Amino acid sequence: MKTIDWRQARRWWSVRVSALGSLLFALLTAFPDQALALWANLPAEIRERLPDNLERAIGAALFAVVLVVRVIPQEEADGE
């Protein structure tokens, strides 16, 4: 088993994508009124095209992206 240096975790795409998802969730939780205002300001044509369970689709997409970037080989860290 290979030892992982946790100080290089900021370079891993899986960590970056997970952090983006966490930031999105935190923003929606902290500012629900802004999220609703953004949704209300979308044109009706766009709202009709989006699925009813959009939040689940976004969560599933982020999960899938994390899995994909986890298996892609990444460049070795030099210097740090």
C-alpha atoms as a PDB file:
ATOM      1  CA  MET A   1       0.000   0.000   0.000  1.00  0.00           C
ATOM      2  CA  LYS A   2       1.301   3.433  -0.948  1.00  0.00           C
ATOM      3  CA  THR A   3       1.605   6.075   1.761  1.00  0.00           C
ATOM      4  CA  ILE A   4      -0.234   9.287   0.938  1.00  0.00           C
ATOM      5  CA  ASP A   5       1.123  12.696   1.918  1.00  0.00           C
ATOM      6  CA  TRP A   6      -1.954  14.612   3.082  1.00  0.00           C
ATOM      7  CA  ARG A   7      -0.199  17.976   2.534  1.00  0.00           C
ATOM      8  CA  GLN A   8      -0.517  17.450  -1.215  1.00  0.00           C
ATOM      9  CA  ALA A   9      -4.276  16.835  -1.076  1.00  0.00           C
ATOM     10  CA  ARG A  10      -4.987  20.342  -2.375  1.00  0.00           C
ATOM     11  CA  ARG A  11      -3.540  19.246  -5.725  1.00  0.00           C
ATOM     12  CA  TRP A  12      -5.888  16.294  -6.182  1.00  0.00           C
ATOM     13  CA  TRP A  13      -8.825  16.930  -8.482  1.00  0.00           C
ATOM     14  CA  SER A  14     -11.108  14.720  -6.423  1.00  0.00           C
ATOM     15  CA  VAL A  15     -10.500  16.953  -3.401  1.00  0.00           C
ATOM     16  CA  ARG A  16     -11.073  20.094  -5.483  1.00  0.00           C
ATOM     17  CA  VAL A  17     -14.379  18.834  -6.913  1.00  0.00           C
ATOM     18  CA  SER A  18     -15.548  17.709  -3.455  1.00  0.00           C
ATOM     19  CA  ALA A  19     -14.664  21.137  -2.062  1.00  0.00           C
ATOM     20  CA  LEU A  20     -16.645  22.800  -4.854  1.00  0.00           C
ATOM     21  CA  GLY A  21     -19.693  20.672  -4.019  1.00  0.00           C
ATOM     22  CA  SER A  22     -19.341  21.448  -0.319  1.00  0.00           C
ATOM     23  CA  LEU A  23     -19.046  25.165  -1.073  1.00  0.00           C
ATOM     24  CA  LEU A  24     -22.159  25.057  -3.255  1.00  0.00           C
ATOM     25  CA  PHE A  25     -24.120  23.257  -0.524  1.00  0.00           C
ATOM     26  CA  ALA A  26     -22.879  25.702   2.134  1.00  0.00           C
ATOM     27  CA  LEU A  27     -23.874  28.714   0.036  1.00  0.00           C
ATOM     28  CA  LEU A  28     -27.343  27.322  -0.633  1.00  0.00           C
ATOM     29  CA  THR A  29     -27.768  26.577   3.064  1.00  0.00           C
ATOM     30  CA  ALA A  30     -26.487  29.966   4.199  1.00  0.00           C
ATOM     31  CA  PHE A  31     -28.435  32.022   1.658  1.00  0.00           C
ATOM     32  CA  PRO A  32     -31.676  30.189   0.818  1.00  0.00           C
ATOM     33  CA  ASP A  33     -33.489  33.439   0.002  1.00  0.00           C
ATOM     34  CA  GLN A  34     -30.901  34.299  -2.636  1.00  0.00           C
ATOM     35  CA  ALA A  35     -31.228  30.839  -4.176  1.00  0.00           C
ATOM     36  CA  LEU A  36     -35.007  31.232  -4.380  1.00  0.00           C
ATOM     37  CA  ALA A  37     -34.632  34.728  -5.870  1.00  0.00           C
ATOM     38  CA  LEU A  38     -32.216  33.359  -8.464  1.00  0.00           C
ATOM     39  CA  TRP A  39     -34.687  30.590  -9.336  1.00  0.00           C
ATOM     40  CA  ALA A  40     -37.560  33.087  -9.605  1.00  0.00           C
ATOM     41  CA  ASN A  41     -35.517  35.323 -11.927  1.00  0.00           C
ATOM     42  CA  LEU A  42     -34.839  32.514 -14.389  1.00  0.00           C
ATOM     43  CA  PRO A  43     -36.945  32.722 -17.529  1.00  0.00           C
ATOM     44  CA  ALA A  44     -39.906  30.344 -17.526  1.00  0.00           C
ATOM     45  CA  GLU A  45     -38.544  28.507 -20.593  1.00  0.00           C
ATOM     46  CA  ILE A  46     -35.366  27.571 -18.744  1.00  0.00           C
ATOM     47  CA  ARG A  47     -37.206  26.535 -15.571  1.00  0.00           C
ATOM     48  CA  GLU A  48     -39.449  24.226 -17.603  1.00  0.00           C
ATOM     49  CA  ARG A  49     -36.441  22.473 -19.137  1.00  0.00           C
ATOM     50  CA  LEU A  50     -34.759  21.782 -15.806  1.00  0.00           C
ATOM     51  CA  PRO A  51     -35.757  18.551 -14.051  1.00  0.00           C
ATOM     52  CA  ASP A  52     -37.942  18.667 -10.954  1.00  0.00           C
ATOM     53  CA  ASN A  53     -35.294  16.925  -8.883  1.00  0.00           C
ATOM     54  CA  LEU A  54     -32.449  19.256  -9.900  1.00  0.00           C
ATOM     55  CA  GLU A  55     -30.738  19.125  -6.497  1.00  0.00           C
ATOM     56  CA  ARG A  56     -30.445  15.332  -6.725  1.00  0.00           C
ATOM     57  CA  ALA A  57     -29.103  15.566 -10.257  1.00  0.00           C
ATOM     58  CA  ILE A  58     -26.434  18.056  -9.181  1.00  0.00           C
ATOM     59  CA  GLY A  59     -25.423  15.850  -6.241  1.00  0.00           C
ATOM     60  CA  ALA A  60     -25.245  12.753  -8.429  1.00  0.00           C
ATOM     61  CA  ALA A  61     -23.250  14.614 -11.086  1.00  0.00           C
ATOM     62  CA  LEU A  62     -20.724  15.868  -8.529  1.00  0.00           C
ATOM     63  CA  PHE A  63     -20.397  12.363  -7.101  1.00  0.00           C
ATOM     64  CA  ALA A  64     -19.786  10.940 -10.579  1.00  0.00           C
ATOM     65  CA  VAL A  65     -17.210  13.626 -11.382  1.00  0.00           C
ATOM     66  CA  VAL A  66     -15.341  12.870  -8.148  1.00  0.00           C
ATOM     67  CA  LEU A  67     -15.226   9.179  -9.093  1.00  0.00           C
ATOM     68  CA  VAL A  68     -13.964   9.957 -12.591  1.00  0.00           C
ATOM     69  CA  VAL A  69     -11.232  12.362 -11.515  1.00  0.00           C
ATOM     70  CA  ARG A  70     -10.194   9.949  -8.761  1.00  0.00           C
ATOM     71  CA  VAL A  71      -9.217   7.273 -11.275  1.00  0.00           C
ATOM     72  CA  ILE A  72      -7.477   9.620 -13.740  1.00  0.00           C
ATOM     73  CA  PRO A  73      -3.706   9.576 -13.181  1.00  0.00           C
ATOM     74  CA  GLN A  74      -2.408  12.941 -11.995  1.00  0.00           C
ATOM     75  CA  GLU A  75       1.029  14.450 -12.361  1.00  0.00           C
ATOM     76  CA  GLU A  76       3.506  13.838  -9.596  1.00  0.00           C
ATOM     77  CA  ALA A  77       4.068  16.742  -7.237  1.00  0.00           C
ATOM     78  CA  ASP A  78       7.474  18.306  -7.648  1.00  0.00           C
ATOM     79  CA  GLY A  79       9.175  20.218  -4.927  1.00  0.00           C
ATOM     80  CA  GLU A  80       6.693  20.164  -2.059  1.00  0.00           C
END
